[in-house]
Amino acid sequence: MAELTEELSQVAPQDPKTQTPSETREPESHDSTTGTPTVIVDDLHIVYKVYGSAGDAEKGNAANALMRLLRRQGRPQMKEVHAVKGVSFVAHHGDAIGIIGRNGSGKSTLLRAIAGLLPPHKGAVYTNGQPSLLGVNAALMKELTGERNIILGCYAMGMTPAEVREKYDEIVDFSGIGEFVQFPMSTYSSGMGARLRFAISSAKTHDVLLIDEALATGDREFKRKSQDRIKQMRQSAGTVFLVAHNLDVIEETCNRVIWLHKGKIRMQGDPQEVLEAYNKA
């Protein structure tokens, strides 16, 4: 909580009469393009329950549940996973924040909590605007064509028919799927699907955009275009959060990095400093 209070104090305006020249500090370089707070995460804890899977017979499906009932067996062993542990930070308008950490460190869980998809066990998340989560597994309908998914996806984001018509060609061109736009998404490779999801989601200005590994798939040209698009969104939108294992993408795209380790913030701040420490760990 002390860390959160310190960050908020830097945002609050100060009376110039109470500041002496020696007390006046230049803003840090990674905050030079940021504005008002858009996301406040206050002592956030996320706990969820999972069932053990000692064997196929204990997996949680209807057939196995019926067999356990007939055999008078108990439910599979349940355990709690404390995925996020007391995380606090403030994000500002214009920030592009990279979230790094080993597998299982709580990166995707944190994004889902900011998006409002996971309820806090303790603490709170406050957002100024509507967060939008983009992940590799974002829901698009595989039996429909790319064209229909573009239209429905844009409508789901609140775009008008006129806006959809205006952005349609740009989305197709950005995704690079070409003539496959007329084919069902079930015929797409995982990379094509991820590129189309990113192209749809980035066609609209978002208050808070959360990107989970969407840039991990695609060739070098698509990654370059994605980085340029994120920079544009930083200027016109609110805040961008980016989870990616490709540290080069984080360094080139983000002005701030949060390093999660076992559900806690181990370090945050300037991308070069945090990434250097992360690589040495």
Protein backbone atom coordinates (compact mmCIF):
# COMPACT_ATOMS: atom_id res chain seq x y z
CA MET A 1 0.00 0.00 0.00
CA ALA A 2 2.92 2.31 0.71
CA GLU A 3 4.12 1.86 -2.87
CA LEU A 4 0.67 2.74 -4.23
CA THR A 5 0.44 5.84 -2.01
CA GLU A 6 3.84 6.97 -3.22
CA GLU A 7 2.81 6.66 -6.88
CA LEU A 8 -0.46 8.49 -6.32
CA SER A 9 1.36 11.30 -4.53
CA GLN A 10 3.37 11.90 -7.69
CA VAL A 11 0.13 12.35 -9.63
CA ALA A 12 -1.54 14.71 -7.17
CA PRO A 13 -0.94 18.42 -7.92
CA GLN A 14 1.19 20.29 -5.43
CA ASP A 15 0.95 23.89 -4.37
CA PRO A 16 3.92 25.68 -5.92
CA LYS A 17 4.07 27.93 -2.85
CA THR A 18 4.96 24.93 -0.69
CA GLN A 19 7.75 23.73 -3.01
CA THR A 20 11.27 24.97 -2.76
CA PRO A 21 13.55 24.77 -5.80
CA SER A 22 15.52 21.98 -4.18
CA GLU A 23 12.33 19.94 -3.71
CA THR A 24 11.26 20.22 -7.33
CA ARG A 25 12.07 17.07 -9.29
CA GLU A 26 12.05 16.50 -13.02
CA PRO A 27 9.61 13.75 -14.06
CA GLU A 28 11.14 10.37 -14.76
CA SER A 29 11.81 9.68 -18.42
CA HIS A 30 9.38 6.76 -18.70
CA ASP A 31 6.51 8.96 -17.47
CA SER A 32 7.23 11.87 -19.79
CA THR A 33 4.37 11.05 -22.17
CA THR A 34 1.83 9.87 -19.62
CA GLY A 35 -1.15 11.68 -18.13
CA THR A 36 -3.92 10.97 -15.66
CA PRO A 37 -4.28 7.58 -13.92
CA THR A 38 -6.29 5.04 -15.90
CA VAL A 39 -5.73 1.86 -13.85
CA ILE A 40 -5.10 1.58 -10.11
CA VAL A 41 -4.31 -1.86 -8.70
CA ASP A 42 -4.44 -1.77 -4.90
CA ASP A 43 -3.04 -4.71 -2.89
CA LEU A 44 -4.60 -7.19 -5.32
CA HIS A 45 -4.84 -10.87 -4.42
CA ILE A 46 -6.30 -13.44 -6.82
CA VAL A 47 -7.07 -16.94 -5.50
CA TYR A 48 -8.77 -19.64 -7.54
CA LYS A 49 -9.60 -23.27 -6.92
CA VAL A 50 -8.46 -26.22 -9.03
CA TYR A 51 -9.12 -29.93 -8.77
CA GLY A 52 -6.27 -32.41 -8.74
CA SER A 53 -5.95 -34.75 -11.71
CA ALA A 54 -4.26 -37.89 -10.44
CA GLY A 55 -5.66 -39.83 -13.41
CA ASP A 56 -8.16 -39.77 -16.24
CA ALA A 57 -10.80 -41.26 -13.95
CA GLU A 58 -10.71 -38.16 -11.74
CA LYS A 59 -11.03 -35.52 -14.43
CA GLY A 60 -13.96 -33.16 -14.02
CA ASN A 61 -16.48 -34.23 -16.64
CA ALA A 62 -20.04 -35.54 -16.42
CA ALA A 63 -19.21 -39.19 -17.18
CA ASN A 64 -16.55 -39.41 -14.47
CA ALA A 65 -18.81 -37.60 -12.02
CA LEU A 66 -21.52 -40.24 -12.60
CA MET A 67 -19.03 -43.09 -12.14
CA ARG A 68 -17.79 -41.58 -8.88
CA LEU A 69 -21.41 -41.29 -7.72
CA LEU A 70 -22.15 -44.94 -8.56
CA ARG A 71 -18.95 -46.05 -6.83
CA ARG A 72 -19.67 -43.71 -3.90
CA GLN A 73 -16.35 -42.01 -4.37
CA GLY A 74 -15.62 -38.47 -3.25
CA ARG A 75 -14.81 -35.52 -5.46
CA PRO A 76 -11.25 -35.10 -6.72
CA GLN A 77 -8.98 -33.31 -4.31
CA MET A 78 -9.33 -29.54 -4.54
CA LYS A 79 -6.61 -27.01 -3.84
CA GLU A 80 -6.37 -23.24 -3.87
CA VAL A 81 -3.87 -21.42 -6.05
CA HIS A 82 -2.76 -17.99 -4.85
CA ALA A 83 -1.85 -16.62 -8.30
CA VAL A 84 -1.48 -12.89 -7.52
CA LYS A 85 -0.17 -11.78 -4.12
CA GLY A 86 -0.51 -8.18 -3.00
CA VAL A 87 0.20 -6.43 -6.31
CA SER A 88 -0.08 -2.61 -6.34
CA PHE A 89 0.69 -0.10 -9.08
CA VAL A 90 -0.76 2.87 -10.96
CA ALA A 91 -0.96 3.08 -14.77
CA HIS A 92 -1.44 6.36 -16.59
CA HIS A 93 -2.93 7.61 -19.83
CA GLY A 94 -0.33 7.05 -22.55
CA ASP A 95 1.49 4.23 -20.77
CA ALA A 96 2.50 1.06 -22.58
CA ILE A 97 3.33 -1.36 -19.78
CA GLY A 98 5.07 -4.65 -20.42
CA ILE A 99 4.45 -7.47 -17.95
CA ILE A 100 7.18 -10.10 -17.81
CA GLY A 101 7.91 -13.18 -15.72
CA ARG A 102 8.41 -16.91 -15.93
CA ASN A 103 5.51 -19.25 -16.71
CA GLY A 104 3.17 -19.38 -13.75
CA SER A 105 4.19 -16.00 -12.37
CA GLY A 106 0.63 -14.60 -12.64
CA LYS A 107 0.93 -12.43 -15.77
CA SER A 108 -2.23 -13.59 -17.57
CA THR A 109 -4.13 -13.79 -14.29
CA LEU A 110 -3.30 -10.14 -13.59
CA LEU A 111 -4.56 -9.10 -17.03
CA ARG A 112 -7.81 -11.00 -16.54
CA ALA A 113 -8.30 -9.32 -13.17
CA ILE A 114 -7.76 -5.85 -14.67
CA ALA A 115 -10.28 -6.76 -17.40
CA GLY A 116 -12.83 -7.63 -14.71
CA LEU A 117 -12.93 -11.34 -15.58
CA LEU A 118 -11.55 -12.54 -12.22
CA PRO A 119 -12.91 -11.23 -8.90
CA PRO A 120 -10.33 -10.09 -6.33
CA HIS A 121 -9.91 -12.30 -3.29
CA LYS A 122 -8.55 -9.22 -1.54
CA GLY A 123 -7.76 -5.68 -2.65
CA ALA A 124 -9.26 -3.91 -5.66
CA VAL A 125 -8.80 -2.79 -9.26
CA TYR A 126 -10.02 0.64 -10.34
CA THR A 127 -10.19 1.60 -14.02
CA ASN A 128 -11.01 4.86 -15.77
CA GLY A 129 -12.79 3.53 -18.84
CA GLN A 130 -13.58 0.08 -20.18
CA PRO A 131 -10.70 -2.45 -20.33
CA SER A 132 -10.57 -4.71 -23.38
CA LEU A 133 -8.66 -7.99 -23.21
CA LEU A 134 -7.03 -9.36 -26.35
CA GLY A 135 -5.55 -12.82 -26.10
CA VAL A 136 -4.52 -15.55 -28.49
CA ASN A 137 -7.62 -17.46 -27.38
CA ALA A 138 -9.99 -14.52 -27.77
CA ALA A 139 -13.37 -15.82 -28.89
CA LEU A 140 -14.08 -15.78 -32.61
CA MET A 141 -16.46 -18.21 -34.27
CA LYS A 142 -14.51 -20.83 -36.21
CA GLU A 143 -17.44 -21.92 -38.35
CA LEU A 144 -17.87 -18.37 -39.72
CA THR A 145 -15.71 -16.71 -42.34
CA GLY A 146 -13.09 -14.12 -41.49
CA GLU A 147 -15.36 -11.49 -43.03
CA ARG A 148 -18.27 -12.33 -40.73
CA ASN A 149 -15.97 -12.44 -37.72
CA ILE A 150 -14.61 -9.00 -38.55
CA ILE A 151 -18.11 -7.57 -38.76
CA LEU A 152 -19.36 -9.26 -35.58
CA GLY A 153 -16.15 -8.46 -33.70
CA CYS A 154 -16.40 -4.78 -34.58
CA TYR A 155 -20.06 -4.68 -33.59
CA ALA A 156 -19.17 -6.32 -30.26
CA MET A 157 -16.72 -3.46 -29.60
CA GLY A 158 -19.53 -0.94 -30.13
CA MET A 159 -18.61 0.22 -33.62
CA THR A 160 -21.36 1.45 -35.94
CA PRO A 161 -22.02 -0.13 -39.38
CA ALA A 162 -20.44 2.93 -41.01
CA GLU A 163 -17.31 2.55 -38.87
CA VAL A 164 -17.12 -1.15 -39.73
CA ARG A 165 -17.28 -0.39 -43.46
CA GLU A 166 -14.61 2.27 -43.03
CA LYS A 167 -12.24 -0.04 -41.12
CA TYR A 168 -12.91 -3.33 -42.94
CA ASP A 169 -10.25 -3.11 -45.66
CA GLU A 170 -7.70 -1.82 -43.15
CA ILE A 171 -8.35 -4.81 -40.85
CA VAL A 172 -7.95 -7.33 -43.68
CA ASP A 173 -4.79 -5.65 -44.94
CA PHE A 174 -3.26 -5.42 -41.46
CA SER A 175 -3.99 -9.05 -40.63
CA GLY A 176 -2.39 -10.24 -43.86
CA ILE A 177 -4.89 -13.09 -44.34
CA GLY A 178 -5.71 -12.01 -47.91
CA GLU A 179 -8.24 -14.19 -49.71
CA PHE A 180 -8.66 -16.35 -46.63
CA VAL A 181 -11.01 -13.66 -45.32
CA GLN A 182 -13.71 -15.48 -47.34
CA PHE A 183 -12.91 -18.86 -45.75
CA PRO A 184 -14.12 -20.24 -42.39
CA MET A 185 -11.73 -19.57 -39.52
CA SER A 186 -11.50 -23.33 -38.97
CA THR A 187 -9.17 -23.35 -42.01
CA TYR A 188 -6.82 -20.76 -40.47
CA SER A 189 -3.50 -21.50 -38.86
CA SER A 190 -3.03 -20.36 -35.24
CA GLY A 191 -0.88 -17.47 -36.47
CA MET A 192 -3.53 -16.29 -38.94
CA GLY A 193 -6.20 -16.39 -36.25
CA ALA A 194 -4.03 -14.43 -33.79
CA ARG A 195 -3.23 -11.79 -36.41
CA LEU A 196 -6.90 -11.36 -37.26
CA ARG A 197 -7.82 -11.00 -33.57
CA PHE A 198 -5.20 -8.31 -33.09
CA ALA A 199 -6.27 -6.51 -36.26
CA ILE A 200 -9.92 -6.45 -35.13
CA SER A 201 -9.19 -5.37 -31.56
CA SER A 202 -6.76 -2.63 -32.58
CA ALA A 203 -9.17 -1.14 -35.12
CA LYS A 204 -10.89 0.77 -32.33
CA THR A 205 -9.48 3.20 -29.81
CA HIS A 206 -9.63 1.62 -26.35
CA ASP A 207 -9.48 3.21 -22.93
CA VAL A 208 -7.39 0.30 -21.65
CA LEU A 209 -6.15 -2.42 -24.02
CA LEU A 210 -4.76 -5.65 -22.54
CA ILE A 211 -2.73 -7.79 -24.95
CA ASP A 212 -1.80 -11.33 -23.88
CA GLU A 213 0.80 -12.97 -26.13
CA ALA A 214 -0.95 -11.81 -29.31
CA LEU A 215 2.36 -10.70 -30.79
CA ALA A 216 4.03 -14.04 -30.13
CA THR A 217 2.66 -15.43 -33.37
CA GLY A 218 3.41 -13.94 -36.74
CA ASP A 219 6.39 -13.08 -38.88
CA ARG A 220 8.81 -10.21 -38.40
CA GLU A 221 6.78 -7.88 -40.61
CA PHE A 222 3.60 -8.43 -38.59
CA LYS A 223 5.44 -7.87 -35.31
CA ARG A 224 6.83 -4.58 -36.65
CA LYS A 225 3.35 -3.46 -37.73
CA SER A 226 1.93 -4.49 -34.36
CA GLN A 227 4.55 -2.47 -32.50
CA ASP A 228 3.78 0.58 -34.65
CA ARG A 229 0.06 0.12 -34.00
CA ILE A 230 0.62 -0.06 -30.23
CA LYS A 231 2.63 3.17 -30.36
CA GLN A 232 -0.26 4.83 -32.20
CA MET A 233 -2.73 3.56 -29.60
CA ARG A 234 -0.52 4.97 -26.83
CA GLN A 235 -0.89 8.41 -28.39
CA SER A 236 -4.62 8.27 -29.09
CA ALA A 237 -5.93 5.81 -26.50
CA GLY A 238 -5.52 5.35 -22.79
CA THR A 239 -3.23 2.59 -21.62
CA VAL A 240 -1.79 -0.56 -23.20
CA PHE A 241 -0.69 -3.62 -21.20
CA LEU A 242 1.41 -6.17 -23.05
CA VAL A 243 2.35 -9.69 -21.94
CA ALA A 244 4.99 -11.26 -24.18
CA HIS A 245 7.88 -13.68 -23.74
CA ASN A 246 9.73 -11.89 -26.55
CA LEU A 247 11.66 -9.33 -24.53
CA ASP A 248 12.72 -7.43 -27.65
CA VAL A 249 9.06 -6.61 -28.30
CA ILE A 250 8.68 -5.38 -24.71
CA GLU A 251 11.80 -3.21 -24.90
CA GLU A 252 10.89 -1.64 -28.24
CA THR A 253 7.19 -1.11 -27.49
CA CYS A 254 6.83 -0.27 -23.81
CA ASN A 255 7.85 2.73 -21.72
CA ARG A 256 7.54 0.79 -18.46
CA VAL A 257 7.94 -2.84 -17.36
CA ILE A 258 6.51 -4.80 -14.42
CA TRP A 259 8.37 -8.00 -13.48
CA LEU A 260 6.17 -10.56 -11.74
CA HIS A 261 7.72 -13.44 -9.80
CA LYS A 262 5.52 -16.02 -8.08
CA GLY A 263 2.57 -13.63 -8.06
CA LYS A 264 4.45 -10.63 -6.64
CA ILE A 265 6.07 -7.59 -8.21
CA ARG A 266 9.79 -8.18 -8.03
CA MET A 267 10.75 -5.01 -9.91
CA GLN A 268 9.18 -2.30 -12.05
CA GLY A 269 10.27 0.82 -13.87
CA ASP A 270 12.48 1.64 -16.86
CA PRO A 271 12.36 -1.19 -19.45
CA GLN A 272 16.12 -1.40 -19.96
CA GLU A 273 16.87 -1.61 -16.24
CA VAL A 274 14.13 -4.15 -15.47
CA LEU A 275 14.93 -6.36 -18.47
CA GLU A 276 18.62 -6.32 -17.63
CA ALA A 277 17.88 -7.47 -14.07
CA TYR A 278 15.42 -10.08 -15.36
CA ASN A 279 17.97 -11.56 -17.76
CA LYS A 280 20.54 -11.80 -14.99
CA ALA A 281 18.18 -13.58 -12.59
